[in-house]
C-alpha atoms as a PDB file:
ATOM      1  CA  MET A   1      88.838  85.467  80.852  1.00  0.00           C
ATOM      2  CA  ALA A   2      85.862  86.947  81.889  1.00  0.00           C
ATOM      3  CA  HIS A   3      85.731  83.965  84.678  1.00  0.00           C
ATOM      4  CA  SER A   4      88.995  85.872  86.079  1.00  0.00           C
ATOM      5  CA  ARG A   5      87.185  89.260  85.841  1.00  0.00           C
ATOM      6  CA  ARG A   6      83.946  88.206  87.293  1.00  0.00           C
ATOM      7  CA  GLU A   7      86.526  86.354  90.506  1.00  0.00           C
ATOM      8  CA  PHE A   8      88.245  89.321  90.847  1.00  0.00           C
ATOM      9  CA  ILE A   9      85.326  91.945  90.989  1.00  0.00           C
ATOM     10  CA  ALA A  10      84.272  89.542  93.454  1.00  0.00           C
ATOM     11  CA  ALA A  11      87.151  89.657  95.624  1.00  0.00           C
ATOM     12  CA  LEU A  12      87.853  93.076  95.159  1.00  0.00           C
ATOM     13  CA  GLY A  13      83.920  93.400  96.599  1.00  0.00           C
ATOM     14  CA  ALA A  14      84.627  91.263  99.272  1.00  0.00           C
ATOM     15  CA  ALA A  15      87.648  93.233 100.265  1.00  0.00           C
ATOM     16  CA  SER A  16      86.419  97.045  99.975  1.00  0.00           C
ATOM     17  CA  ALA A  17      83.809  98.464 102.021  1.00  0.00           C
ATOM     18  CA  LEU A  18      83.395 101.093  99.360  1.00  0.00           C
ATOM     19  CA  ALA A  19      81.784  98.971  96.621  1.00  0.00           C
ATOM     20  CA  ALA A  20      77.639 100.645  96.206  1.00  0.00           C
ATOM     21  CA  ALA A  21      74.929  98.614  97.035  1.00  0.00           C
ATOM     22  CA  PRO A  22      73.115  96.864  93.370  1.00  0.00           C
ATOM     23  CA  ARG A  23      69.749  98.092  92.240  1.00  0.00           C
ATOM     24  CA  SER A  24      67.880  95.364  93.818  1.00  0.00           C
ATOM     25  CA  VAL A  25      69.425  96.206  97.024  1.00  0.00           C
ATOM     26  CA  ARG A  26      68.933 100.011  96.913  1.00  0.00           C
ATOM     27  CA  ALA A  27      67.301 101.714  99.329  1.00  0.00           C
ATOM     28  CA  ALA A  28      64.040 103.133  98.015  1.00  0.00           C
ATOM     29  CA  GLY A  29      65.186 106.679  96.666  1.00  0.00           C
ATOM     30  CA  ASP A  30      68.908 106.240  96.930  1.00  0.00           C
ATOM     31  CA  CYS A  31      71.185 107.853  93.940  1.00  0.00           C
ATOM     32  CA  PRO A  32      72.049 104.715  91.578  1.00  0.00           C
ATOM     33  CA  PHE A  33      75.555 106.385  90.840  1.00  0.00           C
ATOM     34  CA  ARG A  34      78.076 107.692  93.003  1.00  0.00           C
ATOM     35  CA  LEU A  35      77.391 110.998  91.841  1.00  0.00           C
ATOM     36  CA  SER A  36      79.993 113.364  92.257  1.00  0.00           C
ATOM     37  CA  VAL A  37      82.462 115.992  90.821  1.00  0.00           C
ATOM     38  CA  ILE A  38      86.190 116.700  89.968  1.00  0.00           C
ATOM     39  CA  ASN A  39      87.465 119.220  93.233  1.00  0.00           C
ATOM     40  CA  ASP A  40      89.580 121.533  90.946  1.00  0.00           C
ATOM     41  CA  GLU A  41      86.668 122.329  88.428  1.00  0.00           C
ATOM     42  CA  ILE A  42      84.955 123.854  91.878  1.00  0.00           C
ATOM     43  CA  SER A  43      87.936 125.660  93.158  1.00  0.00           C
ATOM     44  CA  PRO A  44      92.129 124.854  94.123  1.00  0.00           C
ATOM     45  CA  ASP A  45      90.644 125.391  97.181  1.00  0.00           C
ATOM     46  CA  PHE A  46      90.506 121.799  99.028  1.00  0.00           C
ATOM     47  CA  ASP A  47      88.165 122.946 101.690  1.00  0.00           C
ATOM     48  CA  HIS A  48      85.921 125.078  99.637  1.00  0.00           C
ATOM     49  CA  ALA A  49      85.479 122.491  96.643  1.00  0.00           C
ATOM     50  CA  CYS A  50      84.676 120.107  99.352  1.00  0.00           C
ATOM     51  CA  SER A  51      82.212 122.578 100.791  1.00  0.00           C
ATOM     52  CA  VAL A  52      80.191 123.330  97.725  1.00  0.00           C
ATOM     53  CA  ALA A  53      80.639 119.833  96.795  1.00  0.00           C
ATOM     54  CA  ALA A  54      78.601 118.328 100.117  1.00  0.00           C
ATOM     55  CA  ASN A  55      77.207 121.405 101.459  1.00  0.00           C
ATOM     56  CA  ASP A  56      75.305 123.402  97.953  1.00  0.00           C
ATOM     57  CA  PHE A  57      75.518 119.895  95.606  1.00  0.00           C
ATOM     58  CA  GLY A  58      74.671 117.513  98.065  1.00  0.00           C
ATOM     59  CA  LEU A  59      77.414 114.850  97.268  1.00  0.00           C
ATOM     60  CA  HIS A  60      78.521 112.190  99.270  1.00  0.00           C
ATOM     61  CA  TRP A  61      81.652 111.733  97.381  1.00  0.00           C
ATOM     62  CA  ILE A  62      84.681 113.576  95.087  1.00  0.00           C
ATOM     63  CA  GLU A  63      86.733 112.774  92.635  1.00  0.00           C
ATOM     64  CA  ILE A  64      90.486 114.354  93.069  1.00  0.00           C
ATOM     65  CA  ARG A  65      92.883 115.771  91.129  1.00  0.00           C
ATOM     66  CA  SER A  66      94.666 118.457  91.996  1.00  0.00           C
ATOM     67  CA  MET A  67      94.509 120.957  95.008  1.00  0.00           C
ATOM     68  CA  TRP A  68      96.802 124.202  96.384  1.00  0.00           C
ATOM     69  CA  GLY A  69      98.459 124.152  93.720  1.00  0.00           C
ATOM     70  CA  LYS A  70      99.926 121.063  93.289  1.00  0.00           C
ATOM     71  CA  ASN A  71      98.784 117.709  90.974  1.00  0.00           C
ATOM     72  CA  VAL A  72      97.392 115.327  93.698  1.00  0.00           C
ATOM     73  CA  THR A  73     100.192 112.825  92.583  1.00  0.00           C
ATOM     74  CA  ASP A  74     102.999 115.834  94.449  1.00  0.00           C
ATOM     75  CA  LEU A  75     101.159 115.998  97.465  1.00  0.00           C
ATOM     76  CA  ASN A  76     103.368 115.474 100.968  1.00  0.00           C
ATOM     77  CA  ALA A  77     102.448 113.535 103.783  1.00  0.00           C
ATOM     78  CA  ASP A  78     101.090 116.685 105.580  1.00  0.00           C
ATOM     79  CA  GLU A  79      98.934 117.836 102.532  1.00  0.00           C
ATOM     80  CA  ILE A  80      97.317 114.292 102.567  1.00  0.00           C
ATOM     81  CA  ASP A  81      96.687 114.383 106.186  1.00  0.00           C
ATOM     82  CA  ARG A  82      95.347 117.908 105.816  1.00  0.00           C
ATOM     83  CA  SER A  83      93.253 116.487 102.509  1.00  0.00           C
ATOM     84  CA  ARG A  84      91.846 113.428 104.549  1.00  0.00           C
ATOM     85  CA  LYS A  85      90.539 115.790 107.119  1.00  0.00           C
ATOM     86  CA  ILE A  86      88.776 117.621 105.414  1.00  0.00           C
ATOM     87  CA  LEU A  87      87.277 114.626 103.399  1.00  0.00           C
ATOM     88  CA  ASP A  88      86.088 114.018 106.900  1.00  0.00           C
ATOM     89  CA  LYS A  89      84.752 117.267 108.038  1.00  0.00           C
ATOM     90  CA  TYR A  90      82.417 116.727 105.084  1.00  0.00           C
ATOM     91  CA  LYS A  91      81.943 113.329 105.112  1.00  0.00           C
ATOM     92  CA  LEU A  92      83.444 112.845 101.821  1.00  0.00           C
ATOM     93  CA  ARG A  93      84.626 109.554  99.979  1.00  0.00           C
ATOM     94  CA  VAL A  94      86.826 109.350  96.877  1.00  0.00           C
ATOM     95  CA  THR A  95      85.584 107.801  93.847  1.00  0.00           C
ATOM     96  CA  ASP A  96      89.288 107.766  92.703  1.00  0.00           C
ATOM     97  CA  ILE A  97      92.647 109.147  92.212  1.00  0.00           C
ATOM     98  CA  ALA A  98      91.823 111.015  88.844  1.00  0.00           C
ATOM     99  CA  SER A  99      95.696 110.644  88.199  1.00  0.00           C
ATOM    100  CA  PRO A 100      97.985 111.807  84.717  1.00  0.00           C
ATOM    101  CA  LEU A 101      99.606 108.749  84.797  1.00  0.00           C
ATOM    102  CA  TYR A 102     100.914 108.194  81.030  1.00  0.00           C
ATOM    103  CA  LYS A 103      99.940 111.362  80.015  1.00  0.00           C
ATOM    104  CA  VAL A 104     103.190 111.715  77.978  1.00  0.00           C
ATOM    105  CA  HIS A 105     105.294 111.223  74.883  1.00  0.00           C
ATOM    106  CA  TRP A 106     105.910 107.673  73.501  1.00  0.00           C
ATOM    107  CA  PRO A 107     109.256 107.112  73.861  1.00  0.00           C
ATOM    108  CA  GLY A 108     110.745 106.448  70.294  1.00  0.00           C
ATOM    109  CA  ALA A 109     107.737 107.546  68.753  1.00  0.00           C
ATOM    110  CA  PRO A 110     107.090 110.698  66.637  1.00  0.00           C
ATOM    111  CA  MET A 111     106.821 113.406  68.739  1.00  0.00           C
ATOM    112  CA  SER A 112     103.117 114.285  69.063  1.00  0.00           C
ATOM    113  CA  LYS A 113     101.673 117.240  68.539  1.00  0.00           C
ATOM    114  CA  GLU A 114      98.974 116.675  71.161  1.00  0.00           C
ATOM    115  CA  GLY A 115     101.808 116.833  74.018  1.00  0.00           C
ATOM    116  CA  PRO A 116     102.341 120.877  74.172  1.00  0.00           C
ATOM    117  CA  HIS A 117     103.394 122.748  77.183  1.00  0.00           C
ATOM    118  CA  ARG A 118     100.297 123.754  78.968  1.00  0.00           C
ATOM    119  CA  ASP A 119      98.827 123.172  82.099  1.00  0.00           C
ATOM    120  CA  GLU A 120      97.935 119.155  82.446  1.00  0.00           C
ATOM    121  CA  PHE A 121      96.224 120.081  86.085  1.00  0.00           C
ATOM    122  CA  HIS A 122      99.447 120.641  88.077  1.00  0.00           C
ATOM    123  CA  ALA A 123     101.302 117.302  86.873  1.00  0.00           C
ATOM    124  CA  ASP A 124     104.517 117.752  84.698  1.00  0.00           C
ATOM    125  CA  PHE A 125     106.178 114.147  84.367  1.00  0.00           C
ATOM    126  CA  ASP A 126     108.365 112.401  81.584  1.00  0.00           C
ATOM    127  CA  PHE A 127     107.980 108.401  80.734  1.00  0.00           C
ATOM    128  CA  LYS A 128     110.985 107.774  82.959  1.00  0.00           C
ATOM    129  CA  GLN A 129     108.847 108.573  86.258  1.00  0.00           C
ATOM    130  CA  GLN A 130     105.617 106.480  85.088  1.00  0.00           C
ATOM    131  CA  ASP A 131     106.561 104.086  87.225  1.00  0.00           C
ATOM    132  CA  GLU A 132     107.231 106.493  90.401  1.00  0.00           C
ATOM    133  CA  VAL A 133     103.965 108.199  89.270  1.00  0.00           C
ATOM    134  CA  LEU A 134     102.091 104.508  89.338  1.00  0.00           C
ATOM    135  CA  GLN A 135     103.595 103.884  92.322  1.00  0.00           C
ATOM    136  CA  ARG A 136     102.419 106.743  94.117  1.00  0.00           C
ATOM    137  CA  CYS A 137      99.053 106.490  92.912  1.00  0.00           C
ATOM    138  CA  ILE A 138      99.041 103.105  94.814  1.00  0.00           C
ATOM    139  CA  ASP A 139      99.998 104.851  97.951  1.00  0.00           C
ATOM    140  CA  LEU A 140      97.409 107.423  97.231  1.00  0.00           C
ATOM    141  CA  CYS A 141      94.494 104.949  97.528  1.00  0.00           C
ATOM    142  CA  LYS A 142      95.537 103.604 100.652  1.00  0.00           C
ATOM    143  CA  SER A 143      95.457 107.221 101.870  1.00  0.00           C
ATOM    144  CA  PHE A 144      92.487 107.977 100.544  1.00  0.00           C
ATOM    145  CA  GLU A 145      90.107 104.876 100.854  1.00  0.00           C
ATOM    146  CA  THR A 146      89.987 104.229  97.543  1.00  0.00           C
ATOM    147  CA  ASP A 147      90.290 101.115  94.726  1.00  0.00           C
ATOM    148  CA  ARG A 148      90.424 103.356  91.608  1.00  0.00           C
ATOM    149  CA  ILE A 149      93.455 104.609  89.837  1.00  0.00           C
ATOM    150  CA  ARG A 150      93.037 106.749  86.181  1.00  0.00           C
ATOM    151  CA  CYS A 151      95.432 106.701  83.770  1.00  0.00           C
ATOM    152  CA  PHE A 152      95.768 107.372  79.923  1.00  0.00           C
ATOM    153  CA  ASP A 153      97.602 105.897  77.265  1.00  0.00           C
ATOM    154  CA  PHE A 154      99.932 108.547  76.219  1.00  0.00           C
ATOM    155  CA  TRP A 155      99.821 111.671  74.017  1.00  0.00           C
ATOM    156  CA  ARG A 156      97.917 110.900  70.674  1.00  0.00           C
ATOM    157  CA  LEU A 157      99.920 110.027  67.503  1.00  0.00           C
ATOM    158  CA  GLU A 158      99.096 110.573  63.913  1.00  0.00           C
ATOM    159  CA  ASP A 159     100.207 106.345  63.614  1.00  0.00           C
ATOM    160  CA  GLN A 160      99.824 104.778  66.530  1.00  0.00           C
ATOM    161  CA  LYS A 161      99.897 100.890  64.860  1.00  0.00           C
ATOM    162  CA  PRO A 162     103.625 100.492  65.415  1.00  0.00           C
ATOM    163  CA  TYR A 163     103.368 101.544  68.732  1.00  0.00           C
ATOM    164  CA  ARG A 164     100.449 100.197  69.489  1.00  0.00           C
ATOM    165  CA  ALA A 165     101.605  96.306  70.948  1.00  0.00           C
ATOM    166  CA  ALA A 166     103.594  97.892  73.344  1.00  0.00           C
ATOM    167  CA  ILE A 167     101.632 100.658  74.574  1.00  0.00           C
ATOM    168  CA  ASN A 168      99.047  98.125  75.661  1.00  0.00           C
ATOM    169  CA  ASP A 169     101.727  95.930  77.339  1.00  0.00           C
ATOM    170  CA  LYS A 170     102.820  98.376  79.302  1.00  0.00           C
ATOM    171  CA  LEU A 171      98.474  99.106  79.964  1.00  0.00           C
ATOM    172  CA  ARG A 172      99.094  95.220  81.309  1.00  0.00           C
ATOM    173  CA  GLN A 173     101.444  96.159  82.961  1.00  0.00           C
ATOM    174  CA  ALA A 174     100.019  98.600  85.196  1.00  0.00           C
ATOM    175  CA  ALA A 175      96.923  97.117  85.506  1.00  0.00           C
ATOM    176  CA  ARG A 176      98.757  93.468  87.262  1.00  0.00           C
ATOM    177  CA  ALA A 177     100.856  95.804  89.727  1.00  0.00           C
ATOM    178  CA  CYS A 178      97.422  97.358  90.460  1.00  0.00           C
ATOM    179  CA  ALA A 179      95.380  94.260  91.055  1.00  0.00           C
ATOM    180  CA  GLN A 180      98.263  93.507  93.592  1.00  0.00           C
ATOM    181  CA  HIS A 181      96.428  95.653  95.894  1.00  0.00           C
ATOM    182  CA  ASN A 182      93.150  94.721  94.934  1.00  0.00           C
ATOM    183  CA  LEU A 183      93.060  98.248  93.122  1.00  0.00           C
ATOM    184  CA  ILE A 184      90.959  98.963  89.671  1.00  0.00           C
ATOM    185  CA  LEU A 185      93.111 100.657  86.742  1.00  0.00           C
ATOM    186  CA  LEU A 186      90.318 103.002  84.915  1.00  0.00           C
ATOM    187  CA  LEU A 187      91.497 103.913  81.344  1.00  0.00           C
ATOM    188  CA  GLU A 188      89.925 107.674  80.071  1.00  0.00           C
ATOM    189  CA  ASN A 189      89.043 107.734  76.393  1.00  0.00           C
ATOM    190  CA  GLU A 190      90.648 110.652  75.905  1.00  0.00           C
ATOM    191  CA  MET A 191      91.141 112.642  72.568  1.00  0.00           C
ATOM    192  CA  ALA A 192      94.470 113.926  73.543  1.00  0.00           C
ATOM    193  CA  CYS A 193      95.853 110.255  73.555  1.00  0.00           C
ATOM    194  CA  ASN A 194      95.500 107.307  71.212  1.00  0.00           C
ATOM    195  CA  THR A 195      92.339 105.661  73.411  1.00  0.00           C
ATOM    196  CA  GLY A 196      90.063 108.773  72.705  1.00  0.00           C
ATOM    197  CA  SER A 197      86.459 107.862  71.337  1.00  0.00           C
ATOM    198  CA  GLY A 198      84.292 105.431  71.868  1.00  0.00           C
ATOM    199  CA  LYS A 199      85.206 103.122  68.953  1.00  0.00           C
ATOM    200  CA  GLU A 200      88.742 102.950  70.224  1.00  0.00           C
ATOM    201  CA  ALA A 201      88.420 102.461  73.654  1.00  0.00           C
ATOM    202  CA  ALA A 202      86.012  99.073  72.861  1.00  0.00           C
ATOM    203  CA  GLN A 203      89.390  97.936  70.800  1.00  0.00           C
ATOM    204  CA  THR A 204      91.368  98.562  73.850  1.00  0.00           C
ATOM    205  CA  LEU A 205      89.542  97.059  75.957  1.00  0.00           C
ATOM    206  CA  ALA A 206      89.151  94.080  73.626  1.00  0.00           C
ATOM    207  CA  GLU A 207      93.212  93.828  73.376  1.00  0.00           C
ATOM    208  CA  VAL A 208      94.085  94.104  77.246  1.00  0.00           C
ATOM    209  CA  GLN A 209      92.315  91.538  79.231  1.00  0.00           C
ATOM    210  CA  GLU A 210      93.579  92.365  82.672  1.00  0.00           C
ATOM    211  CA  PRO A 211      90.490  91.460  84.693  1.00  0.00           C
ATOM    212  CA  ASN A 212      91.089  95.073  86.608  1.00  0.00           C
ATOM    213  CA  PHE A 213      91.508  97.027  83.328  1.00  0.00           C
ATOM    214  CA  MET A 214      88.264  99.113  82.993  1.00  0.00           C
ATOM    215  CA  LEU A 215      87.451 102.176  80.880  1.00  0.00           C
ATOM    216  CA  ASN A 216      86.731 105.791  82.848  1.00  0.00           C
ATOM    217  CA  TRP A 217      83.965 106.236  80.196  1.00  0.00           C
ATOM    218  CA  ASP A 218      83.510 110.224  78.839  1.00  0.00           C
ATOM    219  CA  PRO A 219      80.884 110.921  76.339  1.00  0.00           C
ATOM    220  CA  GLY A 220      82.140 114.519  76.055  1.00  0.00           C
ATOM    221  CA  ASN A 221      85.506 113.485  74.772  1.00  0.00           C
ATOM    222  CA  SER A 222      84.468 110.880  72.342  1.00  0.00           C
ATOM    223  CA  ALA A 223      82.258 113.759  71.275  1.00  0.00           C
ATOM    224  CA  THR A 224      84.800 115.379  69.689  1.00  0.00           C
ATOM    225  CA  PHE A 225      85.267 112.954  67.132  1.00  0.00           C
ATOM    226  CA  PRO A 226      83.233 114.545  64.134  1.00  0.00           C
ATOM    227  CA  VAL A 227      81.475 111.067  63.276  1.00  0.00           C
ATOM    228  CA  ASP A 228      81.276 109.800  66.967  1.00  0.00           C
ATOM    229  CA  VAL A 229      77.610 109.480  68.723  1.00  0.00           C
ATOM    230  CA  PRO A 230      78.907 108.698  72.053  1.00  0.00           C
ATOM    231  CA  TYR A 231      75.486 107.725  73.555  1.00  0.00           C
ATOM    232  CA  PRO A 232      73.872 104.742  72.095  1.00  0.00           C
ATOM    233  CA  ASP A 233      76.284 104.026  69.276  1.00  0.00           C
ATOM    234  CA  ASP A 234      79.282 103.896  70.615  1.00  0.00           C
ATOM    235  CA  TYR A 235      77.900 102.881  74.167  1.00  0.00           C
ATOM    236  CA  ASN A 236      76.167  99.893  72.888  1.00  0.00           C
ATOM    237  CA  ASN A 237      79.779  98.639  71.265  1.00  0.00           C
ATOM    238  CA  LEU A 238      81.398  98.987  74.493  1.00  0.00           C
ATOM    239  CA  PRO A 239      81.927  96.010  77.050  1.00  0.00           C
ATOM    240  CA  LYS A 240      79.204  96.669  79.872  1.00  0.00           C
ATOM    241  CA  ASP A 241      81.195  94.986  82.529  1.00  0.00           C
ATOM    242  CA  ARG A 242      84.722  96.845  81.886  1.00  0.00           C
ATOM    243  CA  ILE A 243      83.002 100.715  82.707  1.00  0.00           C
ATOM    244  CA  GLY A 244      84.407 101.649  85.671  1.00  0.00           C
ATOM    245  CA  HIS A 245      83.840 105.445  85.823  1.00  0.00           C
ATOM    246  CA  CYS A 246      82.173 107.848  83.795  1.00  0.00           C
ATOM    247  CA  HIS A 247      82.856 111.030  83.111  1.00  0.00           C
ATOM    248  CA  CYS A 248      79.839 113.897  82.709  1.00  0.00           C
ATOM    249  CA  LYS A 249      80.466 117.112  80.852  1.00  0.00           C
ATOM    250  CA  ASP A 250      78.732 118.200  77.646  1.00  0.00           C
ATOM    251  CA  THR A 251      79.721 119.498  74.731  1.00  0.00           C
ATOM    252  CA  ILE A 252      78.697 121.601  71.131  1.00  0.00           C
ATOM    253  CA  ARG A 253      79.317 120.694  67.574  1.00  0.00           C
ATOM    254  CA  LYS A 254      79.863 124.021  65.408  1.00  0.00           C
ATOM    255  CA  LEU A 255      80.093 124.440  61.621  1.00  0.00           C
ATOM    256  CA  ASP A 256      83.763 123.981  60.934  1.00  0.00           C
ATOM    257  CA  GLY A 257      83.589 120.595  62.357  1.00  0.00           C
ATOM    258  CA  LYS A 258      85.539 121.749  65.779  1.00  0.00           C
ATOM    259  CA  PHE A 259      83.711 121.328  69.174  1.00  0.00           C
ATOM    260  CA  GLU A 260      83.552 123.683  72.400  1.00  0.00           C
ATOM    261  CA  TRP A 261      82.023 122.709  76.016  1.00  0.00           C
ATOM    262  CA  ALA A 262      79.323 122.928  77.287  1.00  0.00           C
ATOM    263  CA  PRO A 263      77.115 123.154  80.474  1.00  0.00           C
ATOM    264  CA  VAL A 264      76.074 118.924  80.726  1.00  0.00           C
ATOM    265  CA  GLY A 265      72.428 119.543  79.355  1.00  0.00           C
ATOM    266  CA  GLY A 266      73.068 121.884  76.708  1.00  0.00           C
ATOM    267  CA  GLY A 267      74.929 120.118  74.303  1.00  0.00           C
ATOM    268  CA  ILE A 268      74.308 117.115  72.444  1.00  0.00           C
ATOM    269  CA  ILE A 269      75.306 113.972  74.460  1.00  0.00           C
ATOM    270  CA  ASP A 270      71.957 112.446  75.023  1.00  0.00           C
ATOM    271  CA  TRP A 271      72.785 112.231  78.705  1.00  0.00           C
ATOM    272  CA  VAL A 272      68.949 111.030  79.942  1.00  0.00           C
ATOM    273  CA  GLY A 273      69.459 108.029  77.383  1.00  0.00           C
ATOM    274  CA  GLN A 274      72.731 107.887  79.056  1.00  0.00           C
ATOM    275  CA  PHE A 275      72.122 107.077  82.608  1.00  0.00           C
ATOM    276  CA  ARG A 276      68.912 104.953  81.494  1.00  0.00           C
ATOM    277  CA  ALA A 277      71.275 102.702  79.744  1.00  0.00           C
ATOM    278  CA  PHE A 278      73.532 102.711  83.172  1.00  0.00           C
ATOM    279  CA  GLU A 279      70.327 101.647  85.079  1.00  0.00           C
ATOM    280  CA  ARG A 280      69.478  98.997  82.730  1.00  0.00           C
ATOM    281  CA  ASP A 281      73.162  97.593  82.814  1.00  0.00           C
ATOM    282  CA  ASN A 282      73.574  97.765  86.319  1.00  0.00           C
ATOM    283  CA  TYR A 283      76.293 100.520  86.362  1.00  0.00           C
ATOM    284  CA  HIS A 284      76.561 101.840  90.338  1.00  0.00           C
ATOM    285  CA  TYR A 285      79.875 103.402  89.967  1.00  0.00           C
ATOM    286  CA  ALA A 286      81.113 106.642  89.641  1.00  0.00           C
ATOM    287  CA  VAL A 287      79.315 109.881  87.804  1.00  0.00           C
ATOM    288  CA  SER A 288      81.546 112.624  87.722  1.00  0.00           C
ATOM    289  CA  LEU A 289      80.925 115.856  87.001  1.00  0.00           C
ATOM    290  CA  GLU A 290      84.058 117.319  84.942  1.00  0.00           C
ATOM    291  CA  THR A 291      82.730 120.731  83.907  1.00  0.00           C
ATOM    292  CA  HIS A 292      85.252 122.172  81.329  1.00  0.00           C
ATOM    293  CA  TRP A 293      82.725 124.565  80.214  1.00  0.00           C
ATOM    294  CA  HIS A 294      83.836 128.049  81.377  1.00  0.00           C
ATOM    295  CA  GLY A 295      80.714 129.964  80.299  1.00  0.00           C
ATOM    296  CA  GLY A 296      79.054 130.422  84.228  1.00  0.00           C
ATOM    297  CA  VAL A 297      78.138 133.745  85.761  1.00  0.00           C
ATOM    298  CA  PRO A 298      79.199 134.174  89.339  1.00  0.00           C
ATOM    299  CA  PRO A 299      76.712 136.138  90.785  1.00  0.00           C
ATOM    300  CA  ALA A 300      77.051 139.750  91.394  1.00  0.00           C
ATOM    301  CA  GLY A 301      79.702 140.801  94.566  1.00  0.00           C
ATOM    302  CA  SER A 302      79.499 136.829  95.277  1.00  0.00           C
ATOM    303  CA  GLY A 303      83.257 136.559  94.606  1.00  0.00           C
ATOM    304  CA  MET A 304      82.275 133.301  93.067  1.00  0.00           C
ATOM    305  CA  SER A 305      84.934 132.230  90.757  1.00  0.00           C
ATOM    306  CA  VAL A 306      83.930 131.754  87.078  1.00  0.00           C
ATOM    307  CA  GLY A 307      84.947 128.103  87.009  1.00  0.00           C
ATOM    308  CA  GLU A 308      82.710 127.616  90.446  1.00  0.00           C
ATOM    309  CA  ALA A 309      79.991 129.192  88.580  1.00  0.00           C
ATOM    310  CA  SER A 310      80.348 127.022  85.999  1.00  0.00           C
ATOM    311  CA  SER A 311      80.195 124.291  87.691  1.00  0.00           C
ATOM    312  CA  ARG A 312      77.193 124.777  89.752  1.00  0.00           C
ATOM    313  CA  THR A 313      75.393 125.494  85.858  1.00  0.00           C
ATOM    314  CA  SER A 314      76.296 122.351  85.010  1.00  0.00           C
ATOM    315  CA  MET A 315      75.620 120.064  88.054  1.00  0.00           C
ATOM    316  CA  LYS A 316      72.093 121.507  88.103  1.00  0.00           C
ATOM    317  CA  GLY A 317      71.821 120.900  84.218  1.00  0.00           C
ATOM    318  CA  LEU A 318      73.427 116.943  85.747  1.00  0.00           C
ATOM    319  CA  LYS A 319      70.671 116.725  88.270  1.00  0.00           C
ATOM    320  CA  GLU A 320      67.906 117.433  85.625  1.00  0.00           C
ATOM    321  CA  ASP A 321      68.918 115.026  83.281  1.00  0.00           C
ATOM    322  CA  LEU A 322      69.460 112.211  85.829  1.00  0.00           C
ATOM    323  CA  ALA A 323      65.463 113.107  87.366  1.00  0.00           C
ATOM    324  CA  LYS A 324      64.430 112.527  83.683  1.00  0.00           C
ATOM    325  CA  ALA A 325      66.016 109.675  83.697  1.00  0.00           C
ATOM    326  CA  GLY A 326      64.348 108.626  86.618  1.00  0.00           C
ATOM    327  CA  ALA A 327      67.353 108.404  88.801  1.00  0.00           C
ATOM    328  CA  HIS A 328      66.745 109.894  92.097  1.00  0.00           C
ATOM    329  CA  CYS A 329      70.125 111.841  92.815  1.00  0.00           C
END
C-alpha cells in the first residue's frame, strides 16, 4: 500500500502546479509551509478577508470555508466567478475546499449529542445529500485550482464500534471518487466527530489505507481531550506521509477539565516543537490559522470586528512561533 501511495502522490505532483517545493530545493528564506488562514475567521466579506490575508498578513495562500453568508459548497456560478476574481486581485491561491462533508449524523445510529442545531459555517446538509456535496466539492476544486477537500467522519457517537467499519467504507468510497480526479481527501480530527483525537486519527488512517486519504492534523482539537498531548505524543504516533494539511489554533485546559480557545502561542500546544518536527519530516503543505478564539480587542474607532482583531492577534503569535522554530514565513 505504501508503494501505491507514493505512486499516487507522485502522479498528483506531476499533474499539478500547486505542489510546493521540497525543503532541499526551496529558495533561501522561503517559508517551508503554505502559510494560510481560513477566510471566514477574518470576515464574511471575502474581498476584505483576502485583503487582510494578502496585504496585512503577507500570505500567498488562503483556505475557503464560507463567504457572504453562504457555505462554499452553496456558491452559485456568479459567486464562484466573483470569488476567483478576488483571489486573482490579491494573488492568493487556495489550499483546500474546507467543506462540511460528512459532518452529519450517521444513519441508523443513536442520535449524536454533538449534532445540535447550531451554525456550522452556513452548512445545512443531511446524510442523503452527502454524495451531492462530495461532487460539488470535486467541482469546486477545479474552479479554485486546488487538489484538496476537507471532510469529517460524522457526529461523534458514544459507542462507534458497531458502525466504525461502515463509516470507514464510506470514507474509502469518497477517497476513491476523489482519486478519479487526482484529488486528496483530508479527514480532520474534530472533537465533535468520531475521529477527534490524535490517537483516533492514527487508528482511522491505519484502517482507511486509500493512497489519497490523508489527515488534516488539528492539534488544537486533539488538545480538547484531557489525556492527549498533541505534540509530541500524538504527532509521533501519526504516519508522517499521511498528513496533508494542518489547522493551527491554541487551547487552554481549565481546572474543571473543560477547555477554551486561546490565541496561537497562548495555550498549551507546543507549536514551536510541532513546526520544527514538520520541517524535520519534510512536511510542506498548509499551516492554516483557524482562529476560533474570540478574545481580540478591536482598536477604538476602527470598525474592526472581534473576529478580525482575534485573527490578527493569533496570526502574530503564529508567526512568532514559526520564527522561534526557524521557519521564515
